[in-house]
Amino acid sequence: MTIQPSSFDFLKDVDVRLSVELGRTEMKLREVMGLGEESIVMLDRLTDELLDVMVNGKIVAKGEIVARGNRFGLRIVEMAGGAQTGGLAGVETLG
């Protein structure tokens, strides 16, 4: 028995967590305890690198930060596995 993709339409309303990872670093606990207001923590990502876009912890795309008004947003630049970006419900296209 083969399951057709349209058979999964009922899953489209399942909530998932989308997150964007800006970067990572490793620190000693004493360094973390020494953090305070205006502390700067350097991350492993360069300023011109694309950010990881994850759904439930799995990388699904790469993107870049955009600003609209006083809010941050994300422009999807490439999908994991070369998939097209079209058809993502709830995603605003910034022109």
N, C-alpha and C. Protein backbone atom coordinates (compact mmCIF):
# COMPACT_ATOMS: atom_id res chain seq x y z
N MET A 1 0.84 -1.18 0.00
CA MET A 1 0.00 0.00 0.00
C MET A 1 0.89 1.25 0.00
N THR A 2 0.63 2.16 -0.90
CA THR A 2 1.39 3.40 -0.99
C THR A 2 0.55 4.55 -0.45
N ILE A 3 1.14 5.36 0.43
CA ILE A 3 0.43 6.51 0.99
C ILE A 3 0.71 7.72 0.13
N GLN A 4 -0.32 8.35 -0.36
CA GLN A 4 -0.19 9.54 -1.18
C GLN A 4 0.09 10.75 -0.30
N PRO A 5 0.91 11.73 -0.76
CA PRO A 5 1.21 12.92 0.05
C PRO A 5 -0.04 13.64 0.53
N SER A 6 -1.10 13.66 -0.25
CA SER A 6 -2.31 14.36 0.18
C SER A 6 -2.94 13.68 1.39
N SER A 7 -2.57 12.43 1.65
CA SER A 7 -3.09 11.72 2.82
C SER A 7 -2.60 12.35 4.12
N PHE A 8 -1.55 13.15 4.05
CA PHE A 8 -0.97 13.76 5.24
C PHE A 8 -1.50 15.18 5.49
N ASP A 9 -2.51 15.59 4.75
CA ASP A 9 -3.08 16.93 4.92
C ASP A 9 -3.51 17.21 6.36
N PHE A 10 -3.96 16.19 7.07
CA PHE A 10 -4.41 16.39 8.45
C PHE A 10 -3.27 16.81 9.37
N LEU A 11 -2.03 16.61 8.97
CA LEU A 11 -0.89 16.99 9.81
C LEU A 11 -0.55 18.48 9.69
N LYS A 12 -1.12 19.16 8.71
CA LYS A 12 -0.76 20.56 8.47
C LYS A 12 -1.12 21.47 9.63
N ASP A 13 -2.04 21.08 10.50
CA ASP A 13 -2.43 21.91 11.64
C ASP A 13 -1.72 21.54 12.93
N VAL A 14 -0.73 20.65 12.87
CA VAL A 14 0.04 20.27 14.06
C VAL A 14 1.04 21.39 14.38
N ASP A 15 1.06 21.83 15.63
CA ASP A 15 2.00 22.88 16.05
C ASP A 15 3.42 22.32 16.13
N VAL A 16 4.37 23.09 15.62
CA VAL A 16 5.79 22.76 15.73
C VAL A 16 6.52 24.00 16.22
N ARG A 17 7.72 23.83 16.73
CA ARG A 17 8.52 24.96 17.20
C ARG A 17 9.57 25.29 16.15
N LEU A 18 9.49 26.51 15.61
CA LEU A 18 10.49 26.99 14.67
C LEU A 18 11.44 27.90 15.44
N SER A 19 12.72 27.63 15.32
CA SER A 19 13.70 28.46 16.01
C SER A 19 14.85 28.77 15.06
N VAL A 20 15.56 29.84 15.37
CA VAL A 20 16.70 30.28 14.57
C VAL A 20 17.90 30.35 15.50
N GLU A 21 18.98 29.72 15.08
CA GLU A 21 20.19 29.72 15.91
C GLU A 21 21.17 30.75 15.41
N LEU A 22 21.46 31.70 16.26
CA LEU A 22 22.39 32.78 15.94
C LEU A 22 23.83 32.31 16.02
N GLY A 23 24.13 31.43 16.95
CA GLY A 23 25.49 30.92 17.12
C GLY A 23 25.63 30.20 18.44
N ARG A 24 26.81 29.67 18.67
CA ARG A 24 27.10 28.92 19.90
C ARG A 24 28.47 29.28 20.42
N THR A 25 28.69 28.96 21.66
CA THR A 25 30.01 29.08 22.25
C THR A 25 30.08 28.15 23.45
N GLU A 26 31.28 27.83 23.88
CA GLU A 26 31.48 27.06 25.10
C GLU A 26 32.16 27.96 26.11
N MET A 27 31.67 27.87 27.34
CA MET A 27 32.22 28.70 28.42
C MET A 27 32.35 27.86 29.68
N LYS A 28 33.29 28.23 30.50
CA LYS A 28 33.40 27.64 31.83
C LYS A 28 32.27 28.20 32.70
N LEU A 29 31.84 27.43 33.65
CA LEU A 29 30.77 27.87 34.54
C LEU A 29 31.15 29.18 35.23
N ARG A 30 32.42 29.34 35.61
CA ARG A 30 32.85 30.57 36.27
C ARG A 30 32.67 31.78 35.35
N GLU A 31 32.87 31.57 34.02
CA GLU A 31 32.67 32.66 33.06
C GLU A 31 31.19 33.02 32.95
N VAL A 32 30.33 32.01 32.92
CA VAL A 32 28.89 32.25 32.86
C VAL A 32 28.43 32.99 34.12
N MET A 33 28.95 32.57 35.27
CA MET A 33 28.57 33.21 36.53
C MET A 33 29.07 34.65 36.60
N GLY A 34 30.11 34.96 35.81
CA GLY A 34 30.65 36.31 35.80
C GLY A 34 29.95 37.25 34.82
N LEU A 35 28.99 36.74 34.06
CA LEU A 35 28.27 37.59 33.11
C LEU A 35 27.38 38.59 33.83
N GLY A 36 27.29 39.74 33.29
CA GLY A 36 26.43 40.78 33.86
C GLY A 36 25.92 41.68 32.75
N GLU A 37 25.23 42.72 33.15
CA GLU A 37 24.73 43.69 32.17
C GLU A 37 25.88 44.22 31.34
N GLU A 38 25.67 44.30 30.06
CA GLU A 38 26.63 44.79 29.07
C GLU A 38 27.79 43.84 28.81
N SER A 39 27.73 42.61 29.37
CA SER A 39 28.73 41.59 29.00
C SER A 39 28.53 41.23 27.54
N ILE A 40 29.59 40.90 26.86
CA ILE A 40 29.52 40.47 25.47
C ILE A 40 30.01 39.03 25.40
N VAL A 41 29.21 38.18 24.77
CA VAL A 41 29.56 36.78 24.58
C VAL A 41 29.78 36.58 23.08
N MET A 42 30.98 36.23 22.69
CA MET A 42 31.30 36.02 21.28
C MET A 42 30.83 34.63 20.86
N LEU A 43 30.23 34.56 19.68
CA LEU A 43 29.69 33.31 19.16
C LEU A 43 30.56 32.78 18.04
N ASP A 44 30.31 31.55 17.65
CA ASP A 44 31.14 30.88 16.65
C ASP A 44 30.78 31.23 15.21
N ARG A 45 29.74 32.01 15.01
CA ARG A 45 29.27 32.31 13.66
C ARG A 45 29.76 33.68 13.21
N LEU A 46 30.15 33.78 11.94
CA LEU A 46 30.57 35.06 11.38
C LEU A 46 29.35 35.89 11.03
N THR A 47 29.52 37.21 10.96
CA THR A 47 28.39 38.11 10.73
C THR A 47 27.74 37.92 9.36
N ASP A 48 28.47 37.41 8.38
CA ASP A 48 27.89 37.24 7.06
C ASP A 48 27.42 35.81 6.78
N GLU A 49 27.47 34.94 7.79
CA GLU A 49 27.00 33.56 7.62
C GLU A 49 25.49 33.48 7.76
N LEU A 50 24.89 32.58 7.01
CA LEU A 50 23.45 32.35 7.14
C LEU A 50 23.16 31.64 8.46
N LEU A 51 21.98 31.88 9.00
CA LEU A 51 21.58 31.29 10.27
C LEU A 51 20.82 29.99 10.04
N ASP A 52 20.92 29.07 10.99
CA ASP A 52 20.19 27.81 10.91
C ASP A 52 18.75 28.02 11.32
N VAL A 53 17.82 27.56 10.49
CA VAL A 53 16.40 27.59 10.80
C VAL A 53 16.01 26.16 11.13
N MET A 54 15.46 25.95 12.33
CA MET A 54 15.16 24.59 12.77
C MET A 54 13.68 24.44 13.11
N VAL A 55 13.15 23.28 12.78
CA VAL A 55 11.81 22.91 13.20
C VAL A 55 11.97 21.71 14.12
N ASN A 56 11.53 21.89 15.37
CA ASN A 56 11.67 20.85 16.40
C ASN A 56 13.11 20.32 16.48
N GLY A 57 14.08 21.24 16.36
CA GLY A 57 15.48 20.88 16.52
C GLY A 57 16.18 20.36 15.27
N LYS A 58 15.46 20.20 14.17
CA LYS A 58 16.05 19.70 12.93
C LYS A 58 16.21 20.87 11.95
N ILE A 59 17.42 21.02 11.38
CA ILE A 59 17.66 22.11 10.43
C ILE A 59 16.85 21.86 9.16
N VAL A 60 16.03 22.85 8.81
CA VAL A 60 15.20 22.74 7.61
C VAL A 60 15.55 23.81 6.57
N ALA A 61 16.28 24.84 6.99
CA ALA A 61 16.60 25.93 6.07
C ALA A 61 17.74 26.77 6.63
N LYS A 62 18.21 27.69 5.79
CA LYS A 62 19.19 28.71 6.18
C LYS A 62 18.56 30.05 5.87
N GLY A 63 18.83 31.05 6.71
CA GLY A 63 18.22 32.34 6.47
C GLY A 63 19.04 33.48 7.02
N GLU A 64 18.50 34.69 6.83
CA GLU A 64 19.17 35.90 7.32
C GLU A 64 18.16 36.77 8.06
N ILE A 65 18.65 37.49 9.04
CA ILE A 65 17.80 38.37 9.85
C ILE A 65 17.41 39.59 9.04
N VAL A 66 16.15 39.98 9.17
CA VAL A 66 15.65 41.22 8.59
C VAL A 66 14.92 41.98 9.70
N ALA A 67 14.72 43.26 9.48
CA ALA A 67 13.98 44.07 10.45
C ALA A 67 12.82 44.73 9.73
N ARG A 68 11.67 44.73 10.39
CA ARG A 68 10.50 45.43 9.86
C ARG A 68 9.90 46.16 11.06
N GLY A 69 9.94 47.50 10.97
CA GLY A 69 9.47 48.27 12.12
C GLY A 69 10.38 48.00 13.30
N ASN A 70 9.78 47.64 14.42
CA ASN A 70 10.58 47.36 15.62
C ASN A 70 10.66 45.86 15.91
N ARG A 71 10.47 45.02 14.89
CA ARG A 71 10.50 43.57 15.08
C ARG A 71 11.53 42.93 14.16
N PHE A 72 12.10 41.82 14.64
CA PHE A 72 13.00 41.02 13.82
C PHE A 72 12.18 40.04 13.00
N GLY A 73 12.72 39.67 11.86
CA GLY A 73 12.13 38.64 11.03
C GLY A 73 13.23 37.82 10.43
N LEU A 74 12.84 36.88 9.60
CA LEU A 74 13.81 35.99 8.99
C LEU A 74 13.46 35.83 7.52
N ARG A 75 14.44 36.01 6.66
CA ARG A 75 14.27 35.75 5.23
C ARG A 75 14.90 34.39 4.95
N ILE A 76 14.10 33.46 4.45
CA ILE A 76 14.62 32.15 4.09
C ILE A 76 15.42 32.31 2.80
N VAL A 77 16.67 31.87 2.83
CA VAL A 77 17.55 31.99 1.68
C VAL A 77 17.67 30.65 0.95
N GLU A 78 17.75 29.57 1.72
CA GLU A 78 17.82 28.25 1.09
C GLU A 78 17.19 27.21 2.00
N MET A 79 16.53 26.24 1.38
CA MET A 79 15.92 25.15 2.12
C MET A 79 16.90 23.98 2.20
N ALA A 80 16.85 23.23 3.28
CA ALA A 80 17.69 22.05 3.41
C ALA A 80 17.33 21.06 2.31
N GLY A 81 18.30 20.47 1.70
CA GLY A 81 18.04 19.50 0.65
C GLY A 81 17.63 20.11 -0.67
N GLY A 82 17.72 21.43 -0.80
CA GLY A 82 17.42 22.08 -2.05
C GLY A 82 15.95 22.22 -2.37
N ALA A 83 15.06 22.02 -1.38
CA ALA A 83 13.62 22.15 -1.62
C ALA A 83 13.27 23.61 -1.89
N GLN A 84 12.17 23.84 -2.59
CA GLN A 84 11.71 25.18 -2.88
C GLN A 84 11.02 25.77 -1.66
N THR A 85 10.99 27.10 -1.54
CA THR A 85 10.40 27.78 -0.38
C THR A 85 8.93 28.04 -0.55
N GLY A 86 8.37 27.84 -1.73
CA GLY A 86 6.98 28.18 -1.98
C GLY A 86 6.02 27.34 -1.17
N GLY A 87 4.85 27.90 -0.90
CA GLY A 87 3.79 27.14 -0.27
C GLY A 87 3.87 27.04 1.23
N LEU A 88 4.68 27.84 1.90
CA LEU A 88 4.74 27.79 3.35
C LEU A 88 3.64 28.65 3.93
N ALA A 89 2.65 28.03 4.52
CA ALA A 89 1.52 28.78 5.08
C ALA A 89 1.97 29.62 6.25
N GLY A 90 1.42 30.81 6.37
CA GLY A 90 1.73 31.67 7.50
C GLY A 90 3.05 32.41 7.37
N VAL A 91 3.68 32.31 6.22
CA VAL A 91 4.97 32.97 6.02
C VAL A 91 4.74 34.19 5.13
N GLU A 92 5.11 35.36 5.63
CA GLU A 92 4.96 36.60 4.88
C GLU A 92 6.17 36.77 3.97
N THR A 93 5.93 37.15 2.76
CA THR A 93 7.02 37.44 1.84
C THR A 93 7.36 38.91 1.93
N LEU A 94 8.60 39.22 2.30
CA LEU A 94 9.05 40.60 2.39
C LEU A 94 9.67 40.97 1.06
N GLY A 95 9.18 42.04 0.46
CA GLY A 95 9.67 42.41 -0.87
C GLY A 95 10.70 43.44 -0.79
